[in-house]
Amino acid sequence: MSQLTQFRRPIVRYLPNLNLVVRFDDSGISVRAYRCRKWKSVTWAQLASLADDTEPVVRFCETDHGSRVLKAMGVRLPQDDRSDGGGTA
């Protein structure tokens, strides 16, 4: 039978190619930009809920919010092409 790992202290790593600092601790995972103060955190329970395919709220947030953000960035999504009625003949 396996046991959960307990952190003696947080694991903090700097990712130079992404310019991010990541911290793993008992509460979850935290991320911040290098030389910034404010951390963005996700709990372990929230991460575990992402692995559950039966969560419609998570799936809706991934698709709906994600597509809105991409549209705001100017990305043309495949479902936009179908709704236009246009396409290649």
N, C-alpha and C. Protein backbone atom coordinates (compact mmCIF):
# COMPACT_ATOMS: atom_id res chain seq x y z
N MET A 1 0.83 -1.18 0.00
CA MET A 1 0.00 0.00 0.00
C MET A 1 0.88 1.25 0.00
N SER A 2 0.60 2.18 -0.87
CA SER A 2 1.44 3.37 -0.98
C SER A 2 0.97 4.46 -0.02
N GLN A 3 1.88 5.34 0.31
CA GLN A 3 1.58 6.46 1.18
C GLN A 3 1.80 7.75 0.41
N LEU A 4 1.09 8.79 0.84
CA LEU A 4 1.28 10.09 0.22
C LEU A 4 2.59 10.70 0.69
N THR A 5 3.22 11.41 -0.18
CA THR A 5 4.47 12.07 0.15
C THR A 5 4.19 13.35 0.91
N GLN A 6 4.91 13.57 1.98
CA GLN A 6 4.81 14.81 2.75
C GLN A 6 6.04 15.66 2.43
N PHE A 7 5.82 16.92 2.12
CA PHE A 7 6.92 17.83 1.84
C PHE A 7 7.54 18.29 3.15
N ARG A 8 8.85 18.21 3.26
CA ARG A 8 9.54 18.78 4.41
C ARG A 8 9.63 20.29 4.25
N ARG A 9 9.81 20.72 3.02
CA ARG A 9 9.82 22.14 2.67
C ARG A 9 9.38 22.24 1.21
N PRO A 10 8.90 23.39 0.78
CA PRO A 10 8.45 23.52 -0.61
C PRO A 10 9.59 23.33 -1.61
N ILE A 11 9.24 22.78 -2.76
CA ILE A 11 10.19 22.65 -3.86
C ILE A 11 9.94 23.84 -4.78
N VAL A 12 10.97 24.66 -4.96
CA VAL A 12 10.85 25.87 -5.78
C VAL A 12 11.86 25.76 -6.91
N ARG A 13 11.39 25.95 -8.14
CA ARG A 13 12.26 25.86 -9.30
C ARG A 13 12.01 27.05 -10.24
N TYR A 14 13.10 27.56 -10.78
CA TYR A 14 13.03 28.62 -11.78
C TYR A 14 13.14 27.99 -13.16
N LEU A 15 12.20 28.33 -14.04
CA LEU A 15 12.20 27.83 -15.41
C LEU A 15 12.63 28.98 -16.33
N PRO A 16 13.92 29.04 -16.69
CA PRO A 16 14.42 30.21 -17.43
C PRO A 16 13.82 30.37 -18.82
N ASN A 17 13.52 29.27 -19.50
CA ASN A 17 12.97 29.40 -20.85
C ASN A 17 11.55 29.96 -20.84
N LEU A 18 10.81 29.79 -19.73
CA LEU A 18 9.46 30.34 -19.60
C LEU A 18 9.43 31.59 -18.73
N ASN A 19 10.55 31.90 -18.08
CA ASN A 19 10.66 33.03 -17.17
C ASN A 19 9.63 32.94 -16.04
N LEU A 20 9.47 31.72 -15.49
CA LEU A 20 8.52 31.45 -14.41
C LEU A 20 9.22 30.82 -13.22
N VAL A 21 8.60 31.00 -12.06
CA VAL A 21 9.02 30.31 -10.85
C VAL A 21 7.86 29.44 -10.42
N VAL A 22 8.12 28.15 -10.19
CA VAL A 22 7.09 27.18 -9.82
C VAL A 22 7.40 26.67 -8.41
N ARG A 23 6.36 26.57 -7.56
CA ARG A 23 6.53 26.07 -6.20
C ARG A 23 5.54 24.93 -5.95
N PHE A 24 6.06 23.80 -5.49
CA PHE A 24 5.26 22.65 -5.10
C PHE A 24 5.30 22.54 -3.59
N ASP A 25 4.11 22.47 -2.94
CA ASP A 25 4.07 22.29 -1.49
C ASP A 25 2.83 21.49 -1.11
N ASP A 26 2.56 21.35 0.18
CA ASP A 26 1.43 20.54 0.64
C ASP A 26 0.08 21.07 0.16
N SER A 27 -0.02 22.36 -0.07
CA SER A 27 -1.31 22.93 -0.48
C SER A 27 -1.57 22.78 -1.98
N GLY A 28 -0.52 22.67 -2.79
CA GLY A 28 -0.71 22.53 -4.23
C GLY A 28 0.47 23.07 -5.00
N ILE A 29 0.19 23.63 -6.17
CA ILE A 29 1.22 24.18 -7.05
C ILE A 29 0.96 25.67 -7.21
N SER A 30 2.03 26.46 -7.10
CA SER A 30 1.94 27.90 -7.27
C SER A 30 2.91 28.33 -8.36
N VAL A 31 2.51 29.33 -9.14
CA VAL A 31 3.32 29.83 -10.25
C VAL A 31 3.34 31.35 -10.18
N ARG A 32 4.51 31.92 -10.48
CA ARG A 32 4.60 33.38 -10.60
C ARG A 32 5.64 33.71 -11.65
N ALA A 33 5.54 34.89 -12.20
CA ALA A 33 6.54 35.36 -13.15
C ALA A 33 7.82 35.69 -12.38
N TYR A 34 8.95 35.51 -13.04
CA TYR A 34 10.24 35.80 -12.42
C TYR A 34 10.31 37.27 -12.03
N ARG A 35 10.76 37.54 -10.82
CA ARG A 35 10.88 38.88 -10.24
C ARG A 35 9.56 39.56 -9.97
N CYS A 36 8.47 38.81 -9.93
CA CYS A 36 7.17 39.34 -9.52
C CYS A 36 6.80 38.75 -8.17
N ARG A 37 5.89 39.38 -7.47
CA ARG A 37 5.56 38.94 -6.12
C ARG A 37 4.33 38.06 -6.04
N LYS A 38 3.36 38.29 -6.90
CA LYS A 38 2.05 37.64 -6.76
C LYS A 38 2.06 36.22 -7.32
N TRP A 39 1.69 35.25 -6.46
CA TRP A 39 1.62 33.85 -6.86
C TRP A 39 0.20 33.52 -7.31
N LYS A 40 0.07 32.69 -8.29
CA LYS A 40 -1.20 32.09 -8.71
C LYS A 40 -1.16 30.63 -8.28
N SER A 41 -2.14 30.19 -7.50
CA SER A 41 -2.10 28.85 -6.91
C SER A 41 -3.25 27.97 -7.38
N VAL A 42 -2.96 26.67 -7.42
CA VAL A 42 -3.94 25.63 -7.71
C VAL A 42 -3.76 24.55 -6.66
N THR A 43 -4.86 24.13 -6.02
CA THR A 43 -4.76 23.09 -4.98
C THR A 43 -4.66 21.72 -5.63
N TRP A 44 -4.22 20.75 -4.84
CA TRP A 44 -4.13 19.38 -5.34
C TRP A 44 -5.51 18.84 -5.67
N ALA A 45 -6.54 19.23 -4.91
CA ALA A 45 -7.91 18.78 -5.20
C ALA A 45 -8.39 19.31 -6.55
N GLN A 46 -8.06 20.54 -6.86
CA GLN A 46 -8.44 21.11 -8.16
C GLN A 46 -7.73 20.38 -9.29
N LEU A 47 -6.47 20.06 -9.10
CA LEU A 47 -5.74 19.30 -10.12
C LEU A 47 -6.32 17.91 -10.31
N ALA A 48 -6.68 17.25 -9.21
CA ALA A 48 -7.26 15.91 -9.31
C ALA A 48 -8.61 15.95 -10.01
N SER A 49 -9.38 17.01 -9.81
CA SER A 49 -10.70 17.10 -10.46
C SER A 49 -10.57 17.25 -11.97
N LEU A 50 -9.45 17.77 -12.46
CA LEU A 50 -9.26 17.89 -13.91
C LEU A 50 -9.11 16.54 -14.59
N ALA A 51 -8.68 15.53 -13.83
CA ALA A 51 -8.50 14.20 -14.41
C ALA A 51 -9.81 13.45 -14.53
N ASP A 52 -10.89 13.96 -13.92
CA ASP A 52 -12.18 13.29 -13.95
C ASP A 52 -12.97 13.73 -15.18
N ASP A 53 -13.24 12.80 -16.09
CA ASP A 53 -13.95 13.14 -17.33
C ASP A 53 -15.44 13.40 -17.12
N THR A 54 -15.97 13.10 -15.96
CA THR A 54 -17.41 13.28 -15.72
C THR A 54 -17.75 14.65 -15.19
N GLU A 55 -16.78 15.54 -15.08
CA GLU A 55 -17.02 16.89 -14.58
C GLU A 55 -17.42 17.81 -15.73
N PRO A 56 -18.72 18.08 -15.92
CA PRO A 56 -19.12 18.93 -17.04
C PRO A 56 -18.71 20.38 -16.86
N VAL A 57 -18.58 20.85 -15.62
CA VAL A 57 -18.19 22.24 -15.39
C VAL A 57 -16.78 22.48 -15.88
N VAL A 58 -15.88 21.55 -15.57
CA VAL A 58 -14.49 21.70 -16.00
C VAL A 58 -14.41 21.66 -17.52
N ARG A 59 -15.12 20.73 -18.12
CA ARG A 59 -15.09 20.60 -19.58
C ARG A 59 -15.65 21.86 -20.24
N PHE A 60 -16.74 22.41 -19.69
CA PHE A 60 -17.33 23.64 -20.24
C PHE A 60 -16.35 24.80 -20.13
N CYS A 61 -15.70 24.92 -18.97
CA CYS A 61 -14.74 26.01 -18.79
C CYS A 61 -13.57 25.88 -19.75
N GLU A 62 -13.11 24.66 -19.97
CA GLU A 62 -12.00 24.45 -20.89
C GLU A 62 -12.37 24.88 -22.30
N THR A 63 -13.54 24.48 -22.75
CA THR A 63 -13.91 24.74 -24.14
C THR A 63 -14.45 26.15 -24.34
N ASP A 64 -15.40 26.57 -23.49
CA ASP A 64 -16.04 27.86 -23.70
C ASP A 64 -15.08 29.01 -23.40
N HIS A 65 -14.50 29.01 -22.22
CA HIS A 65 -13.60 30.10 -21.86
C HIS A 65 -12.36 30.10 -22.76
N GLY A 66 -11.84 28.91 -23.03
CA GLY A 66 -10.66 28.82 -23.88
C GLY A 66 -10.91 29.36 -25.27
N SER A 67 -12.07 29.05 -25.84
CA SER A 67 -12.37 29.54 -27.19
C SER A 67 -12.59 31.06 -27.18
N ARG A 68 -13.18 31.60 -26.10
CA ARG A 68 -13.35 33.05 -26.01
C ARG A 68 -12.00 33.75 -25.94
N VAL A 69 -11.08 33.19 -25.18
CA VAL A 69 -9.74 33.80 -25.07
C VAL A 69 -9.03 33.74 -26.41
N LEU A 70 -9.13 32.60 -27.10
CA LEU A 70 -8.48 32.48 -28.41
C LEU A 70 -9.08 33.46 -29.42
N LYS A 71 -10.40 33.62 -29.41
CA LYS A 71 -11.03 34.58 -30.32
C LYS A 71 -10.58 36.00 -30.03
N ALA A 72 -10.43 36.33 -28.73
CA ALA A 72 -9.96 37.66 -28.37
C ALA A 72 -8.54 37.90 -28.86
N MET A 73 -7.76 36.84 -28.98
CA MET A 73 -6.39 36.94 -29.48
C MET A 73 -6.35 37.00 -31.01
N GLY A 74 -7.50 36.75 -31.66
CA GLY A 74 -7.55 36.82 -33.11
C GLY A 74 -7.37 35.49 -33.81
N VAL A 75 -7.46 34.40 -33.06
CA VAL A 75 -7.31 33.07 -33.65
C VAL A 75 -8.61 32.67 -34.31
N ARG A 76 -8.54 32.12 -35.52
CA ARG A 76 -9.73 31.64 -36.21
C ARG A 76 -9.89 30.15 -35.91
N LEU A 77 -10.99 29.81 -35.26
CA LEU A 77 -11.24 28.43 -34.83
C LEU A 77 -11.93 27.64 -35.93
N PRO A 78 -11.73 26.30 -35.96
CA PRO A 78 -12.36 25.47 -37.00
C PRO A 78 -13.88 25.56 -37.00
N GLN A 79 -14.52 25.66 -35.83
CA GLN A 79 -15.99 25.75 -35.80
C GLN A 79 -16.47 27.08 -36.39
N ASP A 80 -15.63 28.12 -36.40
CA ASP A 80 -15.99 29.38 -37.04
C ASP A 80 -16.09 29.20 -38.54
N ASP A 81 -15.22 28.38 -39.13
CA ASP A 81 -15.24 28.14 -40.56
C ASP A 81 -16.52 27.44 -40.98
N ARG A 82 -17.00 26.49 -40.15
CA ARG A 82 -18.23 25.77 -40.49
C ARG A 82 -19.45 26.67 -40.39
N SER A 83 -19.45 27.61 -39.44
CA SER A 83 -20.62 28.48 -39.28
C SER A 83 -20.70 29.54 -40.38
N ASP A 84 -19.57 29.87 -41.01
CA ASP A 84 -19.58 30.86 -42.08
C ASP A 84 -20.27 30.34 -43.33
N GLY A 85 -20.24 29.02 -43.49
CA GLY A 85 -20.77 28.46 -44.71
C GLY A 85 -19.75 28.50 -45.82
N GLY A 86 -18.63 29.14 -45.53
CA GLY A 86 -17.58 29.22 -46.54
C GLY A 86 -16.64 28.06 -46.42
N GLY A 87 -15.86 27.88 -47.38
CA GLY A 87 -14.91 26.79 -47.39
C GLY A 87 -14.33 26.65 -48.77
N THR A 88 -13.49 25.70 -48.92
CA THR A 88 -12.91 25.48 -50.24
C THR A 88 -13.76 24.50 -51.01
N ALA A 89 -13.89 24.75 -52.29
CA ALA A 89 -14.73 23.89 -53.13
C ALA A 89 -13.90 22.85 -53.81
